């Protein structure tokens, strides 16, 4: 099963969804805003990729966080922030056959689905 996680109004998520559709790849879309995110799923991603890859420190959600939440960040703090504010997770997150990928680039998806 292929699952694409993200939010529908994100440009990068839209591009990934369009690429999957154009390439006739059947997938399930998981909307963070509507469907939330399970702790267990996030833990699997953290184990596979590390919190540094998943936590988007360049977006407005990160910038709006109080300084005390951003200070001394580690896996535990990052996980709590991501569960509380799913918009802070780099998007999209793609699960394919037990592997996890973050972001969207055509070359990346071509190599995943070759």
PDB file of N, CA and C in Angstrom:
ATOM      1  N   UNK A   1       0.823  -1.179   0.000  1.00  0.00           N
ATOM      2  CA  UNK A   1       0.000   0.000   0.000  1.00  0.00           C
ATOM      3  C   UNK A   1       0.875   1.252   0.000  1.00  0.00           C
ATOM      4  N   UNK A   2       0.433   2.248  -0.737  1.00  0.00           N
ATOM      5  CA  UNK A   2       1.149   3.510  -0.835  1.00  0.00           C
ATOM      6  C   UNK A   2       0.299   4.589  -0.175  1.00  0.00           C
ATOM      7  N   UNK A   3       0.904   5.319   0.762  1.00  0.00           N
ATOM      8  CA  UNK A   3       0.193   6.403   1.435  1.00  0.00           C
ATOM      9  C   UNK A   3       1.011   7.675   1.311  1.00  0.00           C
ATOM     10  N   UNK A   4       0.335   8.746   0.921  1.00  0.00           N
ATOM     11  CA  UNK A   4       0.944  10.060   0.841  1.00  0.00           C
ATOM     12  C   UNK A   4       0.329  10.918   1.945  1.00  0.00           C
ATOM     13  N   UNK A   5       1.174  11.435   2.829  1.00  0.00           N
ATOM     14  CA  UNK A   5       0.736  12.264   3.950  1.00  0.00           C
ATOM     15  C   UNK A   5       1.032  13.725   3.649  1.00  0.00           C
ATOM     16  N   UNK A   6       0.100  14.589   4.016  1.00  0.00           N
ATOM     17  CA  UNK A   6       0.324  16.013   3.831  1.00  0.00           C
ATOM     18  C   UNK A   6      -0.947  16.801   4.068  1.00  0.00           C
ATOM     19  N   UNK A   7      -0.957  18.022   3.545  1.00  0.00           N
ATOM     20  CA  UNK A   7      -2.155  18.850   3.606  1.00  0.00           C
ATOM     21  C   UNK A   7      -2.500  19.259   2.170  1.00  0.00           C
ATOM     22  N   UNK A   8      -3.784  19.303   1.849  1.00  0.00           N
ATOM     23  CA  UNK A   8      -4.182  19.484   0.454  1.00  0.00           C
ATOM     24  C   UNK A   8      -3.761  20.819  -0.171  1.00  0.00           C
ATOM     25  N   UNK A   9      -3.642  21.880   0.620  1.00  0.00           N
ATOM     26  CA  UNK A   9      -3.327  23.178   0.035  1.00  0.00           C
ATOM     27  C   UNK A   9      -1.828  23.454  -0.077  1.00  0.00           C
ATOM     28  N   UNK A  10      -0.999  22.471   0.190  1.00  0.00           N
ATOM     29  CA  UNK A  10       0.456  22.613   0.053  1.00  0.00           C
ATOM     30  C   UNK A  10       0.835  22.355  -1.409  1.00  0.00           C
ATOM     31  N   UNK A  11       1.579  23.285  -2.007  1.00  0.00           N
ATOM     32  CA  UNK A  11       1.981  23.153  -3.412  1.00  0.00           C
ATOM     33  C   UNK A  11       2.785  21.894  -3.671  1.00  0.00           C
ATOM     34  N   UNK A  12       3.709  21.576  -2.778  1.00  0.00           N
ATOM     35  CA  UNK A  12       4.560  20.396  -2.981  1.00  0.00           C
ATOM     36  C   UNK A  12       3.731  19.122  -2.903  1.00  0.00           C
ATOM     37  N   UNK A  13       2.794  19.068  -1.974  1.00  0.00           N
ATOM     38  CA  UNK A  13       1.898  17.917  -1.868  1.00  0.00           C
ATOM     39  C   UNK A  13       1.061  17.794  -3.144  1.00  0.00           C
ATOM     40  N   UNK A  14       0.557  18.914  -3.641  1.00  0.00           N
ATOM     41  CA  UNK A  14      -0.240  18.905  -4.878  1.00  0.00           C
ATOM     42  C   UNK A  14       0.565  18.364  -6.053  1.00  0.00           C
ATOM     43  N   UNK A  15       1.820  18.771  -6.148  1.00  0.00           N
ATOM     44  CA  UNK A  15       2.685  18.284  -7.230  1.00  0.00           C
ATOM     45  C   UNK A  15       2.915  16.778  -7.112  1.00  0.00           C
ATOM     46  N   UNK A  16       3.130  16.304  -5.892  1.00  0.00           N
ATOM     47  CA  UNK A  16       3.337  14.866  -5.682  1.00  0.00           C
ATOM     48  C   UNK A  16       2.079  14.087  -6.048  1.00  0.00           C
ATOM     49  N   UNK A  17       0.937  14.580  -5.622  1.00  0.00           N
ATOM     50  CA  UNK A  17      -0.340  13.912  -5.942  1.00  0.00           C
ATOM     51  C   UNK A  17      -0.562  13.871  -7.443  1.00  0.00           C
ATOM     52  N   UNK A  18      -0.280  14.980  -8.119  1.00  0.00           N
ATOM     53  CA  UNK A  18      -0.459  15.026  -9.569  1.00  0.00           C
ATOM     54  C   UNK A  18       0.488  14.056 -10.265  1.00  0.00           C
ATOM     55  N   UNK A  19       1.735  13.971  -9.799  1.00  0.00           N
ATOM     56  CA  UNK A  19       2.695  13.049 -10.404  1.00  0.00           C
ATOM     57  C   UNK A  19       2.223  11.600 -10.235  1.00  0.00           C
ATOM     58  N   UNK A  20       1.766  11.262  -9.043  1.00  0.00           N
ATOM     59  CA  UNK A  20       1.274   9.899  -8.799  1.00  0.00           C
ATOM     60  C   UNK A  20       0.082   9.583  -9.707  1.00  0.00           C
ATOM     61  N   UNK A  21      -0.840  10.525  -9.830  1.00  0.00           N
ATOM     62  CA  UNK A  21      -2.018  10.336 -10.689  1.00  0.00           C
ATOM     63  C   UNK A  21      -1.605  10.206 -12.150  1.00  0.00           C
ATOM     64  N   UNK A  22      -0.729  11.111 -12.606  1.00  0.00           N
ATOM     65  CA  UNK A  22      -0.273  11.079 -13.998  1.00  0.00           C
ATOM     66  C   UNK A  22       0.432   9.773 -14.340  1.00  0.00           C
ATOM     67  N   UNK A  23       1.092   9.180 -13.361  1.00  0.00           N
ATOM     68  CA  UNK A  23       1.825   7.934 -13.578  1.00  0.00           C
ATOM     69  C   UNK A  23       1.012   6.705 -13.187  1.00  0.00           C
ATOM     70  N   UNK A  24      -0.289   6.919 -12.980  1.00  0.00           N
ATOM     71  CA  UNK A  24      -1.246   5.841 -12.688  1.00  0.00           C
ATOM     72  C   UNK A  24      -0.799   4.976 -11.522  1.00  0.00           C
ATOM     73  N   UNK A  25      -0.335   5.648 -10.464  1.00  0.00           N
ATOM     74  CA  UNK A  25       0.075   4.955  -9.248  1.00  0.00           C
ATOM     75  C   UNK A  25      -1.036   5.133  -8.223  1.00  0.00           C
ATOM     76  N   UNK A  26      -1.589   4.012  -7.801  1.00  0.00           N
ATOM     77  CA  UNK A  26      -2.695   4.027  -6.847  1.00  0.00           C
ATOM     78  C   UNK A  26      -2.152   4.315  -5.449  1.00  0.00           C
ATOM     79  N   UNK A  27      -2.721   5.302  -4.788  1.00  0.00           N
ATOM     80  CA  UNK A  27      -2.247   5.677  -3.461  1.00  0.00           C
ATOM     81  C   UNK A  27      -3.413   6.170  -2.622  1.00  0.00           C
ATOM     82  N   UNK A  28      -3.173   6.208  -1.332  1.00  0.00           N
ATOM     83  CA  UNK A  28      -4.146   6.760  -0.395  1.00  0.00           C
ATOM     84  C   UNK A  28      -3.578   8.079   0.123  1.00  0.00           C
ATOM     85  N   UNK A  29      -4.421   9.110   0.182  1.00  0.00           N
ATOM     86  CA  UNK A  29      -3.981  10.402   0.705  1.00  0.00           C
ATOM     87  C   UNK A  29      -4.443  10.531   2.153  1.00  0.00           C
ATOM     88  N   UNK A  30      -3.498  10.882   3.021  1.00  0.00           N
ATOM     89  CA  UNK A  30      -3.792  11.087   4.446  1.00  0.00           C
ATOM     90  C   UNK A  30      -3.603  12.575   4.743  1.00  0.00           C
ATOM     91  N   UNK A  31      -4.708  13.246   5.037  1.00  0.00           N
ATOM     92  CA  UNK A  31      -4.707  14.676   5.306  1.00  0.00           C
ATOM     93  C   UNK A  31      -4.406  14.907   6.787  1.00  0.00           C
ATOM     94  N   UNK A  32      -3.232  15.469   7.073  1.00  0.00           N
ATOM     95  CA  UNK A  32      -2.851  15.746   8.465  1.00  0.00           C
ATOM     96  C   UNK A  32      -3.910  16.569   9.189  1.00  0.00           C
ATOM     97  N   UNK A  33      -4.435  17.584   8.523  1.00  0.00           N
ATOM     98  CA  UNK A  33      -5.376  18.500   9.161  1.00  0.00           C
ATOM     99  C   UNK A  33      -6.673  17.788   9.544  1.00  0.00           C
ATOM    100  N   UNK A  34      -7.146  16.928   8.678  1.00  0.00           N
ATOM    101  CA  UNK A  34      -8.424  16.252   8.896  1.00  0.00           C
ATOM    102  C   UNK A  34      -8.265  14.949   9.682  1.00  0.00           C
ATOM    103  N   UNK A  35      -7.226  14.196   9.357  1.00  0.00           N
ATOM    104  CA  UNK A  35      -7.063  12.847   9.908  1.00  0.00           C
ATOM    105  C   UNK A  35      -6.064  12.760  11.051  1.00  0.00           C
ATOM    106  N   UNK A  36      -5.331  13.838  11.310  1.00  0.00           N
ATOM    107  CA  UNK A  36      -4.347  13.819  12.388  1.00  0.00           C
ATOM    108  C   UNK A  36      -3.166  12.916  12.071  1.00  0.00           C
ATOM    109  N   UNK A  37      -2.416  12.578  13.109  1.00  0.00           N
ATOM    110  CA  UNK A  37      -1.250  11.707  12.967  1.00  0.00           C
ATOM    111  C   UNK A  37      -1.087  10.896  14.238  1.00  0.00           C
ATOM    112  N   UNK A  38      -0.936   9.610  14.088  1.00  0.00           N
ATOM    113  CA  UNK A  38      -0.759   8.715  15.232  1.00  0.00           C
ATOM    114  C   UNK A  38       0.689   8.759  15.718  1.00  0.00           C
ATOM    115  N   UNK A  39       0.855   8.683  17.027  1.00  0.00           N
ATOM    116  CA  UNK A  39       2.189   8.647  17.645  1.00  0.00           C
ATOM    117  C   UNK A  39       3.017   7.500  17.074  1.00  0.00           C
ATOM    118  N   UNK A  40       2.398   6.348  16.897  1.00  0.00           N
ATOM    119  CA  UNK A  40       3.103   5.168  16.388  1.00  0.00           C
ATOM    120  C   UNK A  40       3.661   5.407  14.978  1.00  0.00           C
ATOM    121  N   UNK A  41       2.858   6.040  14.131  1.00  0.00           N
ATOM    122  CA  UNK A  41       3.310   6.350  12.766  1.00  0.00           C
ATOM    123  C   UNK A  41       4.490   7.310  12.807  1.00  0.00           C
ATOM    124  N   UNK A  42       4.365   8.363  13.610  1.00  0.00           N
ATOM    125  CA  UNK A  42       5.456   9.329  13.734  1.00  0.00           C
ATOM    126  C   UNK A  42       6.719   8.654  14.257  1.00  0.00           C
ATOM    127  N   UNK A  43       6.592   7.782  15.237  1.00  0.00           N
ATOM    128  CA  UNK A  43       7.759   7.069  15.768  1.00  0.00           C
ATOM    129  C   UNK A  43       8.451   6.239  14.689  1.00  0.00           C
ATOM    130  N   UNK A  44       7.681   5.599  13.824  1.00  0.00           N
ATOM    131  CA  UNK A  44       8.262   4.827  12.724  1.00  0.00           C
ATOM    132  C   UNK A  44       9.050   5.745  11.785  1.00  0.00           C
ATOM    133  N   UNK A  45       8.488   6.912  11.489  1.00  0.00           N
ATOM    134  CA  UNK A  45       9.184   7.872  10.628  1.00  0.00           C
ATOM    135  C   UNK A  45      10.462   8.365  11.294  1.00  0.00           C
ATOM    136  N   UNK A  46      10.372   8.655  12.582  1.00  0.00           N
ATOM    137  CA  UNK A  46      11.545   9.140  13.314  1.00  0.00           C
ATOM    138  C   UNK A  46      12.642   8.088  13.334  1.00  0.00           C
ATOM    139  N   UNK A  47      12.256   6.819  13.511  1.00  0.00           N
ATOM    140  CA  UNK A  47      13.231   5.728  13.490  1.00  0.00           C
ATOM    141  C   UNK A  47      13.889   5.618  12.115  1.00  0.00           C
ATOM    142  N   UNK A  48      13.094   5.789  11.062  1.00  0.00           N
ATOM    143  CA  UNK A  48      13.602   5.613   9.698  1.00  0.00           C
ATOM    144  C   UNK A  48      14.426   6.806   9.216  1.00  0.00           C
ATOM    145  N   UNK A  49      14.008   8.021   9.588  1.00  0.00           N
ATOM    146  CA  UNK A  49      14.605   9.214   8.996  1.00  0.00           C
ATOM    147  C   UNK A  49      15.326  10.127   9.978  1.00  0.00           C
ATOM    148  N   UNK A  50      14.911  10.110  11.231  1.00  0.00           N
ATOM    149  CA  UNK A  50      15.439  11.049  12.215  1.00  0.00           C
ATOM    150  C   UNK A  50      14.578  12.302  12.267  1.00  0.00           C
ATOM    151  N   UNK A  51      14.515  12.912  13.424  1.00  0.00           N
ATOM    152  CA  UNK A  51      13.657  14.095  13.584  1.00  0.00           C
ATOM    153  C   UNK A  51      14.163  15.286  12.790  1.00  0.00           C
ATOM    154  N   UNK A  52      15.469  15.362  12.558  1.00  0.00           N
ATOM    155  CA  UNK A  52      16.040  16.493  11.844  1.00  0.00           C
ATOM    156  C   UNK A  52      15.524  16.577  10.407  1.00  0.00           C
ATOM    157  N   UNK A  53      15.241  15.415   9.803  1.00  0.00           N
ATOM    158  CA  UNK A  53      14.739  15.377   8.433  1.00  0.00           C
ATOM    159  C   UNK A  53      13.263  15.785   8.395  1.00  0.00           C
ATOM    160  N   UNK A  54      12.513  15.368   9.390  1.00  0.00           N
ATOM    161  CA  UNK A  54      11.066  15.601   9.387  1.00  0.00           C
ATOM    162  C   UNK A  54      10.645  16.989   9.853  1.00  0.00           C
ATOM    163  N   UNK A  55      11.396  17.584  10.744  1.00  0.00           N
ATOM    164  CA  UNK A  55      11.010  18.861  11.336  1.00  0.00           C
ATOM    165  C   UNK A  55      11.387  20.014  10.397  1.00  0.00           C
ATOM    166  N   UNK A  56      10.387  20.741   9.950  1.00  0.00           N
ATOM    167  CA  UNK A  56      10.611  21.860   9.039  1.00  0.00           C
ATOM    168  C   UNK A  56      10.878  23.126   9.844  1.00  0.00           C
ATOM    169  N   UNK A  57      12.152  23.504   9.903  1.00  0.00           N
ATOM    170  CA  UNK A  57      12.536  24.705  10.651  1.00  0.00           C
ATOM    171  C   UNK A  57      12.512  25.954   9.783  1.00  0.00           C
ATOM    172  N   UNK A  58      12.123  25.818   8.524  1.00  0.00           N
ATOM    173  CA  UNK A  58      12.128  26.975   7.622  1.00  0.00           C
ATOM    174  C   UNK A  58      10.751  27.615   7.464  1.00  0.00           C
ATOM    175  N   UNK A  59       9.705  26.962   7.962  1.00  0.00           N
ATOM    176  CA  UNK A  59       8.352  27.461   7.755  1.00  0.00           C
ATOM    177  C   UNK A  59       7.862  28.389   8.851  1.00  0.00           C
ATOM    178  N   UNK A  60       6.706  28.962   8.609  1.00  0.00           N
ATOM    179  CA  UNK A  60       6.126  29.898   9.576  1.00  0.00           C
ATOM    180  C   UNK A  60       5.705  29.209  10.862  1.00  0.00           C
ATOM    181  N   UNK A  61       5.304  27.956  10.795  1.00  0.00           N
ATOM    182  CA  UNK A  61       4.891  27.255  12.018  1.00  0.00           C
ATOM    183  C   UNK A  61       6.043  27.217  13.009  1.00  0.00           C
ATOM    184  N   UNK A  62       7.247  26.924  12.526  1.00  0.00           N
ATOM    185  CA  UNK A  62       8.431  26.903  13.399  1.00  0.00           C
ATOM    186  C   UNK A  62       8.726  28.300  13.935  1.00  0.00           C
ATOM    187  N   UNK A  63       8.701  29.276  13.055  1.00  0.00           N
ATOM    188  CA  UNK A  63       9.020  30.648  13.472  1.00  0.00           C
ATOM    189  C   UNK A  63       8.045  31.182  14.514  1.00  0.00           C
ATOM    190  N   UNK A  64       6.804  30.722  14.471  1.00  0.00           N
ATOM    191  CA  UNK A  64       5.791  31.196  15.425  1.00  0.00           C
ATOM    192  C   UNK A  64       5.874  30.506  16.786  1.00  0.00           C
ATOM    193  N   UNK A  65       6.632  29.415  16.874  1.00  0.00           N
ATOM    194  CA  UNK A  65       6.762  28.721  18.158  1.00  0.00           C
ATOM    195  C   UNK A  65       7.495  29.599  19.172  1.00  0.00           C
ATOM    196  N   UNK A  66       7.095  29.512  20.434  1.00  0.00           N
ATOM    197  CA  UNK A  66       7.838  30.245  21.467  1.00  0.00           C
ATOM    198  C   UNK A  66       9.277  29.734  21.545  1.00  0.00           C
ATOM    199  N   UNK A  67      10.196  30.622  21.897  1.00  0.00           N
ATOM    200  CA  UNK A  67      11.619  30.263  21.958  1.00  0.00           C
ATOM    201  C   UNK A  67      11.892  29.101  22.899  1.00  0.00           C
ATOM    202  N   UNK A  68      11.142  28.999  23.998  1.00  0.00           N
ATOM    203  CA  UNK A  68      11.384  27.906  24.945  1.00  0.00           C
ATOM    204  C   UNK A  68      11.060  26.546  24.327  1.00  0.00           C
ATOM    205  N   UNK A  69      10.117  26.495  23.382  1.00  0.00           N
ATOM    206  CA  UNK A  69       9.808  25.220  22.702  1.00  0.00           C
ATOM    207  C   UNK A  69      10.916  24.858  21.719  1.00  0.00           C
ATOM    208  N   UNK A  70      11.544  25.877  21.141  1.00  0.00           N
ATOM    209  CA  UNK A  70      12.594  25.631  20.144  1.00  0.00           C
ATOM    210  C   UNK A  70      13.950  25.360  20.784  1.00  0.00           C
ATOM    211  N   UNK A  71      14.106  25.744  22.036  1.00  0.00           N
ATOM    212  CA  UNK A  71      15.397  25.586  22.722  1.00  0.00           C
ATOM    213  C   UNK A  71      15.653  24.120  23.062  1.00  0.00           C
ATOM    214  N   UNK A  72      16.923  23.719  22.995  1.00  0.00           N
ATOM    215  CA  UNK A  72      17.346  22.364  23.375  1.00  0.00           C
ATOM    216  C   UNK A  72      16.489  21.285  22.715  1.00  0.00           C
ATOM    217  N   UNK A  73      16.231  21.448  21.429  1.00  0.00           N
ATOM    218  CA  UNK A  73      15.364  20.501  20.717  1.00  0.00           C
ATOM    219  C   UNK A  73      16.058  19.146  20.604  1.00  0.00           C
ATOM    220  N   UNK A  74      15.298  18.106  20.851  1.00  0.00           N
ATOM    221  CA  UNK A  74      15.766  16.733  20.704  1.00  0.00           C
ATOM    222  C   UNK A  74      14.610  15.910  20.145  1.00  0.00           C
ATOM    223  N   UNK A  75      14.798  14.617  20.021  1.00  0.00           N
ATOM    224  CA  UNK A  75      13.765  13.771  19.416  1.00  0.00           C
ATOM    225  C   UNK A  75      12.444  13.880  20.162  1.00  0.00           C
ATOM    226  N   UNK A  76      12.480  13.823  21.475  1.00  0.00           N
ATOM    227  CA  UNK A  76      11.249  13.875  22.268  1.00  0.00           C
ATOM    228  C   UNK A  76      10.495  15.177  22.086  1.00  0.00           C
ATOM    229  N   UNK A  77      11.220  16.284  22.180  1.00  0.00           N
ATOM    230  CA  UNK A  77      10.580  17.599  21.999  1.00  0.00           C
ATOM    231  C   UNK A  77      10.083  17.762  20.565  1.00  0.00           C
ATOM    232  N   UNK A  78      10.875  17.323  19.618  1.00  0.00           N
ATOM    233  CA  UNK A  78      10.481  17.439  18.208  1.00  0.00           C
ATOM    234  C   UNK A  78       9.217  16.631  17.940  1.00  0.00           C
ATOM    235  N   UNK A  79       9.149  15.417  18.486  1.00  0.00           N
ATOM    236  CA  UNK A  79       7.968  14.569  18.286  1.00  0.00           C
ATOM    237  C   UNK A  79       6.725  15.230  18.870  1.00  0.00           C
ATOM    238  N   UNK A  80       6.852  15.781  20.060  1.00  0.00           N
ATOM    239  CA  UNK A  80       5.706  16.442  20.696  1.00  0.00           C
ATOM    240  C   UNK A  80       5.241  17.631  19.862  1.00  0.00           C
ATOM    241  N   UNK A  81       6.185  18.414  19.352  1.00  0.00           N
ATOM    242  CA  UNK A  81       5.842  19.568  18.520  1.00  0.00           C
ATOM    243  C   UNK A  81       5.145  19.111  17.236  1.00  0.00           C
ATOM    244  N   UNK A  82       5.661  18.048  16.603  1.00  0.00           N
ATOM    245  CA  UNK A  82       5.074  17.561  15.351  1.00  0.00           C
ATOM    246  C   UNK A  82       3.670  17.009  15.553  1.00  0.00           C
ATOM    247  N   UNK A  83       3.436  16.330  16.660  1.00  0.00           N
ATOM    248  CA  UNK A  83       2.093  15.809  16.928  1.00  0.00           C
ATOM    249  C   UNK A  83       1.110  16.941  17.219  1.00  0.00           C
ATOM    250  N   UNK A  84       1.595  17.976  17.864  1.00  0.00           N
ATOM    251  CA  UNK A  84       0.754  19.109  18.221  1.00  0.00           C
ATOM    252  C   UNK A  84       0.496  20.020  17.012  1.00  0.00           C
ATOM    253  N   UNK A  85       1.496  20.155  16.152  1.00  0.00           N
ATOM    254  CA  UNK A  85       1.427  21.039  14.976  1.00  0.00           C
ATOM    255  C   UNK A  85       1.872  20.262  13.740  1.00  0.00           C
ATOM    256  N   UNK A  86       0.988  19.486  13.142  1.00  0.00           N
ATOM    257  CA  UNK A  86       1.394  18.652  12.000  1.00  0.00           C
ATOM    258  C   UNK A  86       1.879  19.486  10.816  1.00  0.00           C
ATOM    259  N   UNK A  87       1.531  20.769  10.795  1.00  0.00           N
ATOM    260  CA  UNK A  87       2.002  21.640   9.703  1.00  0.00           C
ATOM    261  C   UNK A  87       3.514  21.826   9.723  1.00  0.00           C
ATOM    262  N   UNK A  88       4.153  21.481  10.829  1.00  0.00           N
ATOM    263  CA  UNK A  88       5.603  21.659  10.959  1.00  0.00           C
ATOM    264  C   UNK A  88       6.388  20.475  10.374  1.00  0.00           C
ATOM    265  N   UNK A  89       5.673  19.443   9.951  1.00  0.00           N
ATOM    266  CA  UNK A  89       6.323  18.274   9.344  1.00  0.00           C
ATOM    267  C   UNK A  89       6.591  18.576   7.880  1.00  0.00           C
ATOM    268  N   UNK A  90       7.818  18.302   7.431  1.00  0.00           N
ATOM    269  CA  UNK A  90       8.146  18.492   6.020  1.00  0.00           C
ATOM    270  C   UNK A  90       7.209  17.625   5.189  1.00  0.00           C
ATOM    271  N   UNK A  91       6.780  18.175   4.056  1.00  0.00           N
ATOM    272  CA  UNK A  91       5.784  17.492   3.242  1.00  0.00           C
ATOM    273  C   UNK A  91       6.254  17.362   1.796  1.00  0.00           C
ATOM    274  N   UNK A  92       5.647  16.378   1.143  1.00  0.00           N
ATOM    275  CA  UNK A  92       4.830  15.298   1.678  1.00  0.00           C
ATOM    276  C   UNK A  92       5.697  14.191   2.277  1.00  0.00           C
ATOM    277  N   UNK A  93       5.053  13.340   3.050  1.00  0.00           N
ATOM    278  CA  UNK A  93       5.695  12.116   3.531  1.00  0.00           C
ATOM    279  C   UNK A  93       5.052  10.978   2.743  1.00  0.00           C
ATOM    280  N   UNK A  94       5.878  10.153   2.150  1.00  0.00           N
ATOM    281  CA  UNK A  94       5.415   9.057   1.304  1.00  0.00           C
ATOM    282  C   UNK A  94       5.850   7.732   1.907  1.00  0.00           C
ATOM    283  N   UNK A  95       4.891   6.860   2.136  1.00  0.00           N
ATOM    284  CA  UNK A  95       5.191   5.500   2.605  1.00  0.00           C
ATOM    285  C   UNK A  95       4.947   4.535   1.459  1.00  0.00           C
ATOM    286  N   UNK A  96       5.986   3.774   1.122  1.00  0.00           N
ATOM    287  CA  UNK A  96       5.902   2.792   0.046  1.00  0.00           C
ATOM    288  C   UNK A  96       6.611   1.524   0.495  1.00  0.00           C
ATOM    289  N   UNK A  97       5.902   0.429   0.547  1.00  0.00           N
ATOM    290  CA  UNK A  97       6.497  -0.881   0.854  1.00  0.00           C
ATOM    291  C   UNK A  97       7.424  -0.836   2.064  1.00  0.00           C
ATOM    292  N   UNK A  98       6.994  -0.186   3.119  1.00  0.00           N
ATOM    293  CA  UNK A  98       7.771  -0.151   4.351  1.00  0.00           C
ATOM    294  C   UNK A  98       8.868   0.897   4.391  1.00  0.00           C
ATOM    295  N   UNK A  99       9.084   1.626   3.301  1.00  0.00           N
ATOM    296  CA  UNK A  99      10.085   2.695   3.331  1.00  0.00           C
ATOM    297  C   UNK A  99       9.383   4.049   3.387  1.00  0.00           C
ATOM    298  N   UNK A 100      10.098   5.039   3.917  1.00  0.00           N
ATOM    299  CA  UNK A 100       9.537   6.371   4.128  1.00  0.00           C
ATOM    300  C   UNK A 100      10.400   7.391   3.404  1.00  0.00           C
ATOM    301  N   UNK A 101       9.748   8.305   2.684  1.00  0.00           N
ATOM    302  CA  UNK A 101      10.433   9.343   1.919  1.00  0.00           C
ATOM    303  C   UNK A 101       9.798  10.687   2.242  1.00  0.00           C
ATOM    304  N   UNK A 102      10.596  11.748   2.232  1.00  0.00           N
ATOM    305  CA  UNK A 102      10.102  13.087   2.538  1.00  0.00           C
ATOM    306  C   UNK A 102      10.399  14.020   1.374  1.00  0.00           C
ATOM    307  N   UNK A 103       9.433  14.884   1.068  1.00  0.00           N
ATOM    308  CA  UNK A 103       9.601  15.853   0.003  1.00  0.00           C
ATOM    309  C   UNK A 103       9.153  15.292  -1.332  1.00  0.00           C
ATOM    310  N   UNK A 104       9.229  16.125  -2.351  1.00  0.00           N
ATOM    311  CA  UNK A 104       8.887  15.678  -3.692  1.00  0.00           C
ATOM    312  C   UNK A 104       9.837  16.295  -4.705  1.00  0.00           C
ATOM    313  N   UNK A 105      10.481  15.429  -5.444  1.00  0.00           N
ATOM    314  CA  UNK A 105      11.245  15.789  -6.639  1.00  0.00           C
ATOM    315  C   UNK A 105      10.936  14.698  -7.658  1.00  0.00           C
ATOM    316  N   UNK A 106      10.743  15.093  -8.888  1.00  0.00           N
ATOM    317  CA  UNK A 106      10.379  14.125  -9.923  1.00  0.00           C
ATOM    318  C   UNK A 106      11.391  12.984  -9.982  1.00  0.00           C
ATOM    319  N   UNK A 107      12.688  13.323  -9.952  1.00  0.00           N
ATOM    320  CA  UNK A 107      13.726  12.285 -10.039  1.00  0.00           C
ATOM    321  C   UNK A 107      13.624  11.312  -8.864  1.00  0.00           C
ATOM    322  N   UNK A 108      13.324  11.836  -7.688  1.00  0.00           N
ATOM    323  CA  UNK A 108      13.182  11.009  -6.490  1.00  0.00           C
ATOM    324  C   UNK A 108      12.034  10.007  -6.682  1.00  0.00           C
ATOM    325  N   UNK A 109      10.876  10.490  -7.117  1.00  0.00           N
ATOM    326  CA  UNK A 109       9.728   9.621  -7.297  1.00  0.00           C
ATOM    327  C   UNK A 109       9.957   8.618  -8.435  1.00  0.00           C
ATOM    328  N   UNK A 110      10.637   9.058  -9.487  1.00  0.00           N
ATOM    329  CA  UNK A 110      10.940   8.133 -10.581  1.00  0.00           C
ATOM    330  C   UNK A 110      11.798   6.969 -10.082  1.00  0.00           C
ATOM    331  N   UNK A 111      12.751   7.246  -9.207  1.00  0.00           N
ATOM    332  CA  UNK A 111      13.605   6.168  -8.709  1.00  0.00           C
ATOM    333  C   UNK A 111      12.849   5.271  -7.722  1.00  0.00           C
ATOM    334  N   UNK A 112      11.921   5.833  -6.969  1.00  0.00           N
ATOM    335  CA  UNK A 112      11.125   5.029  -6.023  1.00  0.00           C
ATOM    336  C   UNK A 112      10.215   4.067  -6.798  1.00  0.00           C
ATOM    337  N   UNK A 113       9.635   4.535  -7.894  1.00  0.00           N
ATOM    338  CA  UNK A 113       8.623   3.763  -8.613  1.00  0.00           C
ATOM    339  C   UNK A 113       9.114   3.182  -9.926  1.00  0.00           C
ATOM    340  N   UNK A 114      10.428   2.969 -10.056  1.00  0.00           N
ATOM    341  CA  UNK A 114      10.950   2.433 -11.316  1.00  0.00           C
ATOM    342  C   UNK A 114      10.604   0.970 -11.510  1.00  0.00           C
TER     343      UNK A 114
END
